[in-house]
Each structure stands twice: as C-alpha cells, then as structure tokens.
Amino acid sequence: MVIVLDTCAAFEIVFNGRKCDFYKNLVAEAEKVIAPSLFDAEVANVLWKYSKAGYIDENNAKLTSALALQLVDEYMPTSEIAVEALHEAIRLNHPVYDMYYMVLARRNAATLLTVDEKLKEICKANGVETL
C-alpha cells in the first residue's frame, strides 16, 4: 500500500498520540510513504508554534522535526499539483494545504493518513481512501 502522510498524522506518531501505534504500523508496512513538499514547512511551523507556546524547547523541536521528516520516503513537488489542489480547494471550499494531500493520494491511488475528520469526509466523498 502507498500512503500519503499528512502533518497531523505524523505528529500522532512522533508525539505518541492516541493513534500512534496504528499509524506507526501502517507506515512501517507501507510500500512507500509520500507527502507533498510542503510537509517539511508544515512540520517546522507546528514545532515553532509549540516552542513559542512553551510546550517544547528548541532542541526537542529539532529532534521532533527530524523524526517526522524521516517518516516520508518521497516528496512530490507542490508545483506539480498546485493548480489541481487550488481547483479542489475552490470546488470543495476547503483549505488548499489539505487539498495537496488529497490530490496526491488520488493521483497515486494511495491511502491518506490523517486525523482531520473534515478532510476524511471530503476525501471519502471524492473517492480517496483515508485512515
């Protein structure tokens, strides 16, 4: 199985969230784990917010970033799916950031790992498998 890993699911894994073991097993057994190239920027931004709020110090933020980035085998340049992601964001009235993940999953007949329930609903309605 090919998996598209979104940032929320990656943080479930690296922060030992409720679905950590489930997601970790799926990622370990996947044929390939892919993400849009904005994944690293999203990871860094979340960790910056956590650091700013005092939830994590700089050293742990850097370590956590490295752990999250290691989960992905291959990155798709966002430039290759930008127009399609924008189209879907407008059509579905949902943020373009999330549509990058949906479009990538659809293009690769992959399963999207996300904890975002609204994104799961949108994917299901558009023929994209999620877990």
C-alpha atoms as a PDB file:
ATOM      1  CA  MET A   1       0.000   0.000   0.000  1.00  0.00           C
ATOM      2  CA  VAL A   2       1.165   3.533  -0.802  1.00  0.00           C
ATOM      3  CA  ILE A   3       0.454   6.019   1.965  1.00  0.00           C
ATOM      4  CA  VAL A   4       0.194   9.786   1.871  1.00  0.00           C
ATOM      5  CA  LEU A   5       1.120  11.036   5.322  1.00  0.00           C
ATOM      6  CA  ASP A   6      -0.239  14.373   6.438  1.00  0.00           C
ATOM      7  CA  THR A   7       1.306  16.504   9.137  1.00  0.00           C
ATOM      8  CA  CYS A   8      -1.359  15.746  11.745  1.00  0.00           C
ATOM      9  CA  ALA A   9      -0.841  12.002  11.380  1.00  0.00           C
ATOM     10  CA  ALA A  10       2.940  12.448  11.531  1.00  0.00           C
ATOM     11  CA  PHE A  11       2.559  14.286  14.830  1.00  0.00           C
ATOM     12  CA  GLU A  12       0.348  11.473  16.144  1.00  0.00           C
ATOM     13  CA  ILE A  13       3.349   9.221  15.589  1.00  0.00           C
ATOM     14  CA  VAL A  14       6.180  11.424  16.870  1.00  0.00           C
ATOM     15  CA  PHE A  15       4.240  12.633  19.915  1.00  0.00           C
ATOM     16  CA  ASN A  16       2.862   9.160  20.756  1.00  0.00           C
ATOM     17  CA  GLY A  17      -0.724  10.222  20.262  1.00  0.00           C
ATOM     18  CA  ARG A  18      -3.828   8.085  20.580  1.00  0.00           C
ATOM     19  CA  LYS A  19      -3.409   6.571  17.096  1.00  0.00           C
ATOM     20  CA  CYS A  20       0.388   6.313  17.300  1.00  0.00           C
ATOM     21  CA  ASP A  21       0.722   2.534  17.196  1.00  0.00           C
ATOM     22  CA  PHE A  22      -1.847   2.152  14.418  1.00  0.00           C
ATOM     23  CA  TYR A  23      -0.210   4.801  12.229  1.00  0.00           C
ATOM     24  CA  LYS A  24       3.308   3.634  13.033  1.00  0.00           C
ATOM     25  CA  ASN A  25       2.462   0.099  11.907  1.00  0.00           C
ATOM     26  CA  LEU A  26       0.861   1.331   8.687  1.00  0.00           C
ATOM     27  CA  VAL A  27       3.885   3.483   7.873  1.00  0.00           C
ATOM     28  CA  ALA A  28       6.298   0.646   8.661  1.00  0.00           C
ATOM     29  CA  GLU A  29       4.411  -1.808   6.444  1.00  0.00           C
ATOM     30  CA  ALA A  30       3.750   0.621   3.576  1.00  0.00           C
ATOM     31  CA  GLU A  31       5.276   0.030   0.184  1.00  0.00           C
ATOM     32  CA  LYS A  32       6.048   3.750   0.123  1.00  0.00           C
ATOM     33  CA  VAL A  33       5.170   6.834   2.195  1.00  0.00           C
ATOM     34  CA  ILE A  34       4.770  10.054   0.231  1.00  0.00           C
ATOM     35  CA  ALA A  35       3.895  13.657   1.033  1.00  0.00           C
ATOM     36  CA  PRO A  36       3.750  16.975  -0.776  1.00  0.00           C
ATOM     37  CA  SER A  37       6.918  19.032  -0.434  1.00  0.00           C
ATOM     38  CA  LEU A  38       5.133  21.478   1.865  1.00  0.00           C
ATOM     39  CA  PHE A  39       5.192  18.771   4.556  1.00  0.00           C
ATOM     40  CA  ASP A  40       8.554  19.905   5.950  1.00  0.00           C
ATOM     41  CA  ALA A  41       7.387  23.527   6.184  1.00  0.00           C
ATOM     42  CA  GLU A  42       4.193  22.473   7.966  1.00  0.00           C
ATOM     43  CA  VAL A  43       6.169  20.334  10.421  1.00  0.00           C
ATOM     44  CA  ALA A  44       8.558  23.208  11.146  1.00  0.00           C
ATOM     45  CA  ASN A  45       5.701  25.686  11.569  1.00  0.00           C
ATOM     46  CA  VAL A  46       3.838  23.492  14.059  1.00  0.00           C
ATOM     47  CA  LEU A  47       7.021  22.967  16.067  1.00  0.00           C
ATOM     48  CA  TRP A  48       7.728  26.696  16.028  1.00  0.00           C
ATOM     49  CA  LYS A  49       4.232  27.295  17.452  1.00  0.00           C
ATOM     50  CA  TYR A  50       4.783  24.637  20.137  1.00  0.00           C
ATOM     51  CA  SER A  51       8.138  26.189  21.015  1.00  0.00           C
ATOM     52  CA  LYS A  52       6.674  29.679  21.141  1.00  0.00           C
ATOM     53  CA  ALA A  53       3.909  28.437  23.466  1.00  0.00           C
ATOM     54  CA  GLY A  54       6.464  26.765  25.735  1.00  0.00           C
ATOM     55  CA  TYR A  55       5.359  23.172  25.039  1.00  0.00           C
ATOM     56  CA  ILE A  56       8.726  22.154  23.607  1.00  0.00           C
ATOM     57  CA  ASP A  57      12.252  23.566  23.723  1.00  0.00           C
ATOM     58  CA  GLU A  58      14.368  24.244  20.648  1.00  0.00           C
ATOM     59  CA  ASN A  59      16.461  21.077  20.892  1.00  0.00           C
ATOM     60  CA  ASN A  60      13.404  18.841  21.215  1.00  0.00           C
ATOM     61  CA  ALA A  61      11.724  20.722  18.373  1.00  0.00           C
ATOM     62  CA  LYS A  62      14.701  19.972  16.119  1.00  0.00           C
ATOM     63  CA  LEU A  63      14.741  16.302  17.143  1.00  0.00           C
ATOM     64  CA  THR A  64      10.995  16.004  16.632  1.00  0.00           C
ATOM     65  CA  SER A  65      11.298  17.612  13.216  1.00  0.00           C
ATOM     66  CA  ALA A  66      13.940  15.087  12.189  1.00  0.00           C
ATOM     67  CA  LEU A  67      11.746  12.195  13.382  1.00  0.00           C
ATOM     68  CA  ALA A  68       8.727  13.472  11.467  1.00  0.00           C
ATOM     69  CA  LEU A  69      10.684  14.063   8.260  1.00  0.00           C
ATOM     70  CA  GLN A  70      12.167  10.545   8.415  1.00  0.00           C
ATOM     71  CA  LEU A  71       8.673   9.076   8.115  1.00  0.00           C
ATOM     72  CA  VAL A  72       8.395  10.138   4.455  1.00  0.00           C
ATOM     73  CA  ASP A  73      10.133   8.224   1.670  1.00  0.00           C
ATOM     74  CA  GLU A  74       9.377  10.575  -1.204  1.00  0.00           C
ATOM     75  CA  TYR A  75       8.229  14.171  -1.597  1.00  0.00           C
ATOM     76  CA  MET A  76       6.117  15.416  -4.501  1.00  0.00           C
ATOM     77  CA  PRO A  77       6.936  18.993  -5.521  1.00  0.00           C
ATOM     78  CA  THR A  78       3.903  21.124  -4.787  1.00  0.00           C
ATOM     79  CA  SER A  79       4.392  22.887  -8.115  1.00  0.00           C
ATOM     80  CA  GLU A  80       3.327  19.683  -9.868  1.00  0.00           C
ATOM     81  CA  ILE A  81      -0.080  19.606  -8.179  1.00  0.00           C
ATOM     82  CA  ALA A  82      -0.679  23.277  -7.306  1.00  0.00           C
ATOM     83  CA  VAL A  83      -3.313  24.025  -9.944  1.00  0.00           C
ATOM     84  CA  GLU A  84      -5.269  20.869  -9.167  1.00  0.00           C
ATOM     85  CA  ALA A  85      -5.055  21.497  -5.401  1.00  0.00           C
ATOM     86  CA  LEU A  86      -6.282  25.067  -5.888  1.00  0.00           C
ATOM     87  CA  HIS A  87      -9.130  23.856  -8.102  1.00  0.00           C
ATOM     88  CA  GLU A  88     -10.227  21.340  -5.456  1.00  0.00           C
ATOM     89  CA  ALA A  89      -9.931  23.915  -2.664  1.00  0.00           C
ATOM     90  CA  ILE A  90     -12.243  26.254  -4.549  1.00  0.00           C
ATOM     91  CA  ARG A  91     -14.629  23.485  -5.621  1.00  0.00           C
ATOM     92  CA  LEU A  92     -14.839  21.921  -2.148  1.00  0.00           C
ATOM     93  CA  ASN A  93     -14.474  25.111  -0.086  1.00  0.00           C
ATOM     94  CA  HIS A  94     -11.608  23.662   1.925  1.00  0.00           C
ATOM     95  CA  PRO A  95      -8.045  24.943   2.552  1.00  0.00           C
ATOM     96  CA  VAL A  96      -5.613  24.364  -0.282  1.00  0.00           C
ATOM     97  CA  TYR A  97      -2.992  22.939   2.113  1.00  0.00           C
ATOM     98  CA  ASP A  98      -5.219  19.937   2.782  1.00  0.00           C
ATOM     99  CA  MET A  99      -6.086  19.569  -0.879  1.00  0.00           C
ATOM    100  CA  TYR A 100      -2.414  18.960  -1.697  1.00  0.00           C
ATOM    101  CA  TYR A 101      -2.643  15.777   0.386  1.00  0.00           C
ATOM    102  CA  MET A 102      -5.948  14.694  -1.132  1.00  0.00           C
ATOM    103  CA  VAL A 103      -4.770  15.295  -4.703  1.00  0.00           C
ATOM    104  CA  LEU A 104      -1.509  13.459  -4.049  1.00  0.00           C
ATOM    105  CA  ALA A 105      -3.406  10.476  -2.637  1.00  0.00           C
ATOM    106  CA  ARG A 106      -5.835  10.440  -5.549  1.00  0.00           C
ATOM    107  CA  ARG A 107      -3.079  10.681  -8.154  1.00  0.00           C
ATOM    108  CA  ASN A 108      -1.213   7.766  -6.612  1.00  0.00           C
ATOM    109  CA  ALA A 109      -4.191   5.555  -5.700  1.00  0.00           C
ATOM    110  CA  ALA A 110      -2.852   5.903  -2.181  1.00  0.00           C
ATOM    111  CA  THR A 111      -4.418   5.960   1.265  1.00  0.00           C
ATOM    112  CA  LEU A 112      -4.281   9.265   3.120  1.00  0.00           C
ATOM    113  CA  LEU A 113      -3.370   9.021   6.797  1.00  0.00           C
ATOM    114  CA  THR A 114      -4.921  11.934   8.650  1.00  0.00           C
ATOM    115  CA  VAL A 115      -6.635  12.654  11.945  1.00  0.00           C
ATOM    116  CA  ASP A 116      -8.558  15.525  10.341  1.00  0.00           C
ATOM    117  CA  GLU A 117     -12.171  14.318  10.321  1.00  0.00           C
ATOM    118  CA  LYS A 118     -13.413  17.007   7.928  1.00  0.00           C
ATOM    119  CA  LEU A 119     -10.654  16.128   5.458  1.00  0.00           C
ATOM    120  CA  LYS A 120     -11.593  12.454   5.797  1.00  0.00           C
ATOM    121  CA  GLU A 121     -15.204  13.295   4.888  1.00  0.00           C
ATOM    122  CA  ILE A 122     -14.131  15.305   1.854  1.00  0.00           C
ATOM    123  CA  CYS A 123     -11.799  12.539   0.704  1.00  0.00           C
ATOM    124  CA  LYS A 124     -14.472   9.891   1.099  1.00  0.00           C
ATOM    125  CA  ALA A 125     -16.941  11.959  -0.924  1.00  0.00           C
ATOM    126  CA  ASN A 126     -14.310  12.279  -3.657  1.00  0.00           C
ATOM    127  CA  GLY A 127     -13.188   8.667  -3.861  1.00  0.00           C
ATOM    128  CA  VAL A 128      -9.979   8.976  -1.853  1.00  0.00           C
ATOM    129  CA  GLU A 129      -9.318   6.344   0.804  1.00  0.00           C
ATOM    130  CA  THR A 130      -8.333   7.520   4.284  1.00  0.00           C
ATOM    131  CA  LEU A 131      -7.362   6.000   7.588  1.00  0.00           C
END
